[in-house]
Structures are given as C-alpha cells and as structure tokens.
C-alpha cells in the first residue's frame, strides 16, 4: 500500500506540477517520508552526462556517491552504502538512457529489501520526470535564444531588461545599459 500511494503521488506530481524545481522538491520529500528516510536527493544528468542538482530533502550528508556511481559502468543497482550514513542509491533512466539518480539515507539503520524494491519503482517514475525536465529546459532555451548567435532573442531581451529596470527602480541594484550600433554588419 505504501508503494502504491507513493507511486500514485509521484505520477500526479509529475503530471500536475509544471515547475521542475517544485516537482522534484515535492518528490524528494514524499520519497523520504514513504521510505522512513532521513533525507532524499534527486540528481539529474545534463545533456553532456554531467550530474546536476535536482532536489534535496532533509539534512544532506557530505557524500557524493551519485557522481561515483553514475560514472561506474560496472555498478549494479540499487547500491547500498554506509559512509557516513546508511543509504541506498538507484539510477533513473528513460528509454534505456540513464538520466539521473535518487538516493535515500538515514541514521544508523540499514534499509530492508522492501525499501529497495520501492526505490527501484520510484526511480522508474523519476526517469520520466527527469526527461520531462530536460525537454522543458531545451524548449526554454529554444524559445529565448537566437539559434545563429546564441544570444537572447528580442522577446527574452526585453523581458530581462524590464525585470532589471524594475529591480533598479526599487533600489535593489544599480543598472547601466550600453547600446552599440554596428554599421554594415
């Protein structure tokens, strides 16, 4: 029942939450509570397969097991780890391509096999969420930048300019605008 409730919550959150950061934050909190974990971390992989911060819940211990595990082609998952706290990690994937990882940990007590199975099921759902986030970021980039120059397009430039002027008008920051006109460019 716990597994079904958590998976249903994750599916609804992935479906209903448009903002990627809030989606992953809600998922991390739900995973930690459902697994009786002290904390949860969700890591996403960028297009260049570099680990990127996704979301964290709880006090994050000073370990970086995701980076090591995601770069190890011989690793079997989910993996259990002990330092500095007992925990487990499972990769997330979409259509056979690894796109992140989810890890949980808690003080002193190791996780049981049921929690291991639950983490694997959760990782399957998070793989879909990580892919949706990657598509969201690609679309955002395409809609705000010029394909030829890589600079902000007119709409994005005006939007950013208006936000900066509004902050400057409130006295939160100083601003200057330089305009360069290149003839015959």
C-alpha atoms as a PDB file:
ATOM      1  CA  UNK A   1       0.000   0.000   0.000  1.00  0.00           C
ATOM      2  CA  UNK A   2       2.856   2.352   0.822  1.00  0.00           C
ATOM      3  CA  UNK A   3       4.419   1.701  -2.582  1.00  0.00           C
ATOM      4  CA  UNK A   4       1.154   2.264  -4.426  1.00  0.00           C
ATOM      5  CA  UNK A   5       0.434   5.513  -2.542  1.00  0.00           C
ATOM      6  CA  UNK A   6       3.914   6.859  -3.217  1.00  0.00           C
ATOM      7  CA  UNK A   7       3.872   5.940  -6.899  1.00  0.00           C
ATOM      8  CA  UNK A   8       0.415   7.477  -7.331  1.00  0.00           C
ATOM      9  CA  UNK A   9       1.611  10.672  -5.623  1.00  0.00           C
ATOM     10  CA  UNK A  10       4.703  10.807  -7.863  1.00  0.00           C
ATOM     11  CA  UNK A  11       2.701  10.245 -11.035  1.00  0.00           C
ATOM     12  CA  UNK A  12       0.252  13.006 -10.064  1.00  0.00           C
ATOM     13  CA  UNK A  13       3.063  15.378  -9.104  1.00  0.00           C
ATOM     14  CA  UNK A  14       4.919  14.756 -12.360  1.00  0.00           C
ATOM     15  CA  UNK A  15       1.709  15.261 -14.313  1.00  0.00           C
ATOM     16  CA  UNK A  16       0.391  18.308 -12.441  1.00  0.00           C
ATOM     17  CA  UNK A  17       3.469  20.323 -11.448  1.00  0.00           C
ATOM     18  CA  UNK A  18       4.825  22.432 -14.288  1.00  0.00           C
ATOM     19  CA  UNK A  19       7.799  23.963 -12.445  1.00  0.00           C
ATOM     20  CA  UNK A  20      10.634  21.370 -12.424  1.00  0.00           C
ATOM     21  CA  UNK A  21      12.217  22.516  -9.152  1.00  0.00           C
ATOM     22  CA  UNK A  22       8.945  22.270  -7.239  1.00  0.00           C
ATOM     23  CA  UNK A  23       8.153  18.911  -8.836  1.00  0.00           C
ATOM     24  CA  UNK A  24      11.449  17.381  -7.719  1.00  0.00           C
ATOM     25  CA  UNK A  25      11.302  19.011  -4.261  1.00  0.00           C
ATOM     26  CA  UNK A  26       7.855  17.540  -3.628  1.00  0.00           C
ATOM     27  CA  UNK A  27       9.012  14.155  -4.928  1.00  0.00           C
ATOM     28  CA  UNK A  28      12.126  14.148  -2.699  1.00  0.00           C
ATOM     29  CA  UNK A  29      10.053  14.928   0.396  1.00  0.00           C
ATOM     30  CA  UNK A  30       7.487  12.239  -0.439  1.00  0.00           C
ATOM     31  CA  UNK A  31      10.183   9.617  -1.065  1.00  0.00           C
ATOM     32  CA  UNK A  32      11.907  10.384   2.244  1.00  0.00           C
ATOM     33  CA  UNK A  33       8.644  10.131   4.184  1.00  0.00           C
ATOM     34  CA  UNK A  34       7.476   6.961   2.430  1.00  0.00           C
ATOM     35  CA  UNK A  35      10.777   5.152   2.982  1.00  0.00           C
ATOM     36  CA  UNK A  36      11.236   6.378   6.566  1.00  0.00           C
ATOM     37  CA  UNK A  37      14.460   8.023   5.413  1.00  0.00           C
ATOM     38  CA  UNK A  38      16.193  10.979   6.996  1.00  0.00           C
ATOM     39  CA  UNK A  39      16.695  12.526   3.586  1.00  0.00           C
ATOM     40  CA  UNK A  40      16.492  12.121  -0.153  1.00  0.00           C
ATOM     41  CA  UNK A  41      18.457  13.555  -3.039  1.00  0.00           C
ATOM     42  CA  UNK A  42      17.460  13.510  -6.696  1.00  0.00           C
ATOM     43  CA  UNK A  43      20.219  14.134  -9.224  1.00  0.00           C
ATOM     44  CA  UNK A  44      19.653  14.776 -12.915  1.00  0.00           C
ATOM     45  CA  UNK A  45      22.162  14.346 -15.717  1.00  0.00           C
ATOM     46  CA  UNK A  46      22.716  17.164 -18.189  1.00  0.00           C
ATOM     47  CA  UNK A  47      22.873  16.537 -21.940  1.00  0.00           C
ATOM     48  CA  UNK A  48      26.636  16.156 -21.517  1.00  0.00           C
ATOM     49  CA  UNK A  49      26.055  13.452 -18.849  1.00  0.00           C
ATOM     50  CA  UNK A  50      27.319  15.639 -16.012  1.00  0.00           C
ATOM     51  CA  UNK A  51      25.420  15.278 -12.705  1.00  0.00           C
ATOM     52  CA  UNK A  52      23.331  18.328 -11.872  1.00  0.00           C
ATOM     53  CA  UNK A  53      21.457  19.283  -8.731  1.00  0.00           C
ATOM     54  CA  UNK A  54      17.848  18.170  -8.861  1.00  0.00           C
ATOM     55  CA  UNK A  55      16.351  18.375  -5.369  1.00  0.00           C
ATOM     56  CA  UNK A  56      17.178  17.534  -1.780  1.00  0.00           C
ATOM     57  CA  UNK A  57      15.119  16.877   1.299  1.00  0.00           C
ATOM     58  CA  UNK A  58      16.489  16.664   4.821  1.00  0.00           C
ATOM     59  CA  UNK A  59      19.969  17.272   6.099  1.00  0.00           C
ATOM     60  CA  UNK A  60      22.291  16.314   3.286  1.00  0.00           C
ATOM     61  CA  UNK A  61      25.363  14.398   4.444  1.00  0.00           C
ATOM     62  CA  UNK A  62      28.776  15.119   2.992  1.00  0.00           C
ATOM     63  CA  UNK A  63      28.926  12.339   0.441  1.00  0.00           C
ATOM     64  CA  UNK A  64      28.981  12.430  -3.302  1.00  0.00           C
ATOM     65  CA  UNK A  65      28.109   8.846  -4.107  1.00  0.00           C
ATOM     66  CA  UNK A  66      25.892   9.789  -7.060  1.00  0.00           C
ATOM     67  CA  UNK A  67      28.829  11.057  -9.106  1.00  0.00           C
ATOM     68  CA  UNK A  68      30.905   7.944  -8.470  1.00  0.00           C
ATOM     69  CA  UNK A  69      28.028   5.521  -9.062  1.00  0.00           C
ATOM     70  CA  UNK A  70      26.771   7.208 -12.216  1.00  0.00           C
ATOM     71  CA  UNK A  71      30.245   7.124 -13.736  1.00  0.00           C
ATOM     72  CA  UNK A  72      30.854   3.443 -12.896  1.00  0.00           C
ATOM     73  CA  UNK A  73      29.738   1.193 -15.769  1.00  0.00           C
ATOM     74  CA  UNK A  74      30.252  -1.925 -13.611  1.00  0.00           C
ATOM     75  CA  UNK A  75      27.959  -0.812 -10.760  1.00  0.00           C
ATOM     76  CA  UNK A  76      24.875  -2.884 -10.008  1.00  0.00           C
ATOM     77  CA  UNK A  77      21.854  -1.017  -8.729  1.00  0.00           C
ATOM     78  CA  UNK A  78      20.397  -0.168  -6.388  1.00  0.00           C
ATOM     79  CA  UNK A  79      23.557   0.061  -4.358  1.00  0.00           C
ATOM     80  CA  UNK A  80      23.746   0.297  -0.599  1.00  0.00           C
ATOM     81  CA  UNK A  81      26.321   2.491   1.068  1.00  0.00           C
ATOM     82  CA  UNK A  82      27.390   3.071   4.666  1.00  0.00           C
ATOM     83  CA  UNK A  83      29.526   6.196   4.839  1.00  0.00           C
ATOM     84  CA  UNK A  84      28.760   8.455   6.589  1.00  0.00           C
ATOM     85  CA  UNK A  85      25.168   7.154   6.980  1.00  0.00           C
ATOM     86  CA  UNK A  86      23.428   4.026   5.723  1.00  0.00           C
ATOM     87  CA  UNK A  87      21.693   4.660   2.437  1.00  0.00           C
ATOM     88  CA  UNK A  88      20.719   3.415  -0.984  1.00  0.00           C
ATOM     89  CA  UNK A  89      21.002   4.792  -4.495  1.00  0.00           C
ATOM     90  CA  UNK A  90      19.231   3.849  -7.694  1.00  0.00           C
ATOM     91  CA  UNK A  91      19.736   5.376 -11.144  1.00  0.00           C
ATOM     92  CA  UNK A  92      16.877   6.866 -13.138  1.00  0.00           C
ATOM     93  CA  UNK A  93      16.543   6.261 -16.838  1.00  0.00           C
ATOM     94  CA  UNK A  94      14.308   6.923 -19.798  1.00  0.00           C
ATOM     95  CA  UNK A  95      14.211   4.634 -22.838  1.00  0.00           C
ATOM     96  CA  UNK A  96      17.362   2.856 -21.759  1.00  0.00           C
ATOM     97  CA  UNK A  97      19.423   6.026 -21.259  1.00  0.00           C
ATOM     98  CA  UNK A  98      20.481   6.867 -17.724  1.00  0.00           C
ATOM     99  CA  UNK A  99      19.368  10.409 -16.843  1.00  0.00           C
ATOM    100  CA  UNK A 100      19.941  10.745 -13.097  1.00  0.00           C
ATOM    101  CA  UNK A 101      19.752   9.047  -9.733  1.00  0.00           C
ATOM    102  CA  UNK A 102      17.808   9.032  -6.491  1.00  0.00           C
ATOM    103  CA  UNK A 103      19.395   8.350  -3.113  1.00  0.00           C
ATOM    104  CA  UNK A 104      17.988   7.995   0.394  1.00  0.00           C
ATOM    105  CA  UNK A 105      19.710   7.767   3.774  1.00  0.00           C
ATOM    106  CA  UNK A 106      19.022   7.609   7.488  1.00  0.00           C
ATOM    107  CA  UNK A 107      20.862   7.411  10.758  1.00  0.00           C
ATOM    108  CA  UNK A 108      22.085   4.015  11.992  1.00  0.00           C
ATOM    109  CA  UNK A 109      19.520   1.598  10.488  1.00  0.00           C
ATOM    110  CA  UNK A 110      20.046  -0.030   7.076  1.00  0.00           C
ATOM    111  CA  UNK A 111      17.137  -0.305   4.655  1.00  0.00           C
ATOM    112  CA  UNK A 112      15.179  -3.531   4.163  1.00  0.00           C
ATOM    113  CA  UNK A 113      14.519  -5.322   0.828  1.00  0.00           C
ATOM    114  CA  UNK A 114      11.014  -3.805   0.540  1.00  0.00           C
ATOM    115  CA  UNK A 115      12.503  -0.325   0.614  1.00  0.00           C
ATOM    116  CA  UNK A 116      14.980  -1.406  -2.039  1.00  0.00           C
ATOM    117  CA  UNK A 117      12.124  -2.521  -4.308  1.00  0.00           C
ATOM    118  CA  UNK A 118      10.257   0.706  -3.611  1.00  0.00           C
ATOM    119  CA  UNK A 119      13.316   2.787  -4.534  1.00  0.00           C
ATOM    120  CA  UNK A 120      13.644   0.939  -7.859  1.00  0.00           C
ATOM    121  CA  UNK A 121       9.975   1.626  -8.656  1.00  0.00           C
ATOM    122  CA  UNK A 122      10.383   5.275  -7.701  1.00  0.00           C
ATOM    123  CA  UNK A 123      13.492   5.563  -9.883  1.00  0.00           C
ATOM    124  CA  UNK A 124      11.434   4.390 -12.873  1.00  0.00           C
ATOM    125  CA  UNK A 125       8.953   7.235 -12.358  1.00  0.00           C
ATOM    126  CA  UNK A 126      11.706   9.785 -11.726  1.00  0.00           C
ATOM    127  CA  UNK A 127      13.328   8.800 -15.015  1.00  0.00           C
ATOM    128  CA  UNK A 128      10.207  10.080 -16.763  1.00  0.00           C
ATOM    129  CA  UNK A 129      10.271  13.266 -14.676  1.00  0.00           C
ATOM    130  CA  UNK A 130      13.954  13.857 -15.454  1.00  0.00           C
ATOM    131  CA  UNK A 131      13.225  13.508 -19.170  1.00  0.00           C
ATOM    132  CA  UNK A 132      10.337  15.979 -18.899  1.00  0.00           C
ATOM    133  CA  UNK A 133      12.648  18.429 -17.148  1.00  0.00           C
ATOM    134  CA  UNK A 134      15.296  18.053 -19.855  1.00  0.00           C
ATOM    135  CA  UNK A 135      12.680  18.721 -22.545  1.00  0.00           C
ATOM    136  CA  UNK A 136      11.427  21.733 -20.554  1.00  0.00           C
ATOM    137  CA  UNK A 137      14.947  23.193 -20.404  1.00  0.00           C
ATOM    138  CA  UNK A 138      15.531  22.575 -24.120  1.00  0.00           C
ATOM    139  CA  UNK A 139      12.257  24.288 -25.025  1.00  0.00           C
ATOM    140  CA  UNK A 140      13.032  27.197 -22.720  1.00  0.00           C
ATOM    141  CA  UNK A 141      16.440  27.618 -24.340  1.00  0.00           C
ATOM    142  CA  UNK A 142      14.983  27.420 -27.861  1.00  0.00           C
ATOM    143  CA  UNK A 143      12.263  29.943 -27.054  1.00  0.00           C
ATOM    144  CA  UNK A 144      14.621  32.547 -25.577  1.00  0.00           C
ATOM    145  CA  UNK A 145      17.765  32.408 -27.696  1.00  0.00           C
ATOM    146  CA  UNK A 146      18.694  33.080 -31.282  1.00  0.00           C
ATOM    147  CA  UNK A 147      19.814  29.881 -32.978  1.00  0.00           C
ATOM    148  CA  UNK A 148      22.541  31.599 -35.009  1.00  0.00           C
ATOM    149  CA  UNK A 149      24.198  33.738 -32.325  1.00  0.00           C
ATOM    150  CA  UNK A 150      23.153  32.013 -29.110  1.00  0.00           C
ATOM    151  CA  UNK A 151      22.185  35.428 -27.704  1.00  0.00           C
ATOM    152  CA  UNK A 152      18.849  36.295 -26.157  1.00  0.00           C
ATOM    153  CA  UNK A 153      16.149  36.877 -28.746  1.00  0.00           C
ATOM    154  CA  UNK A 154      14.203  40.157 -28.829  1.00  0.00           C
ATOM    155  CA  UNK A 155      11.363  38.987 -26.574  1.00  0.00           C
ATOM    156  CA  UNK A 156      13.685  37.472 -23.961  1.00  0.00           C
ATOM    157  CA  UNK A 157      15.966  40.533 -24.077  1.00  0.00           C
ATOM    158  CA  UNK A 158      13.047  42.904 -23.410  1.00  0.00           C
ATOM    159  CA  UNK A 159      11.708  40.674 -20.653  1.00  0.00           C
ATOM    160  CA  UNK A 160      15.087  40.555 -18.900  1.00  0.00           C
ATOM    161  CA  UNK A 161      15.621  44.280 -19.434  1.00  0.00           C
ATOM    162  CA  UNK A 162      12.244  45.130 -17.891  1.00  0.00           C
ATOM    163  CA  UNK A 163      12.941  42.944 -14.843  1.00  0.00           C
ATOM    164  CA  UNK A 164      16.358  44.550 -14.344  1.00  0.00           C
ATOM    165  CA  UNK A 165      14.914  48.065 -14.642  1.00  0.00           C
ATOM    166  CA  UNK A 166      12.181  47.185 -12.142  1.00  0.00           C
ATOM    167  CA  UNK A 167      14.787  45.972  -9.626  1.00  0.00           C
ATOM    168  CA  UNK A 168      16.877  49.094 -10.213  1.00  0.00           C
ATOM    169  CA  UNK A 169      13.809  51.308  -9.701  1.00  0.00           C
ATOM    170  CA  UNK A 170      13.146  49.595  -6.341  1.00  0.00           C
ATOM    171  CA  UNK A 171      16.741  50.370  -5.363  1.00  0.00           C
ATOM    172  CA  UNK A 172      17.762  46.710  -5.185  1.00  0.00           C
ATOM    173  CA  UNK A 173      20.582  47.025  -7.709  1.00  0.00           C
ATOM    174  CA  UNK A 174      22.319  49.533  -9.911  1.00  0.00           C
ATOM    175  CA  UNK A 175      21.995  49.310 -13.665  1.00  0.00           C
ATOM    176  CA  UNK A 176      23.557  50.639 -16.833  1.00  0.00           C
ATOM    177  CA  UNK A 177      22.619  49.993 -20.436  1.00  0.00           C
ATOM    178  CA  UNK A 178      25.170  50.202 -23.215  1.00  0.00           C
ATOM    179  CA  UNK A 179      23.955  50.340 -26.785  1.00  0.00           C
ATOM    180  CA  UNK A 180      26.272  49.549 -29.682  1.00  0.00           C
ATOM    181  CA  UNK A 181      25.287  50.088 -33.293  1.00  0.00           C
ATOM    182  CA  UNK A 182      27.486  48.324 -35.815  1.00  0.00           C
ATOM    183  CA  UNK A 183      27.005  49.812 -39.279  1.00  0.00           C
ATOM    184  CA  UNK A 184      27.058  47.453 -42.263  1.00  0.00           C
ATOM    185  CA  UNK A 185      27.230  44.361 -40.018  1.00  0.00           C
END
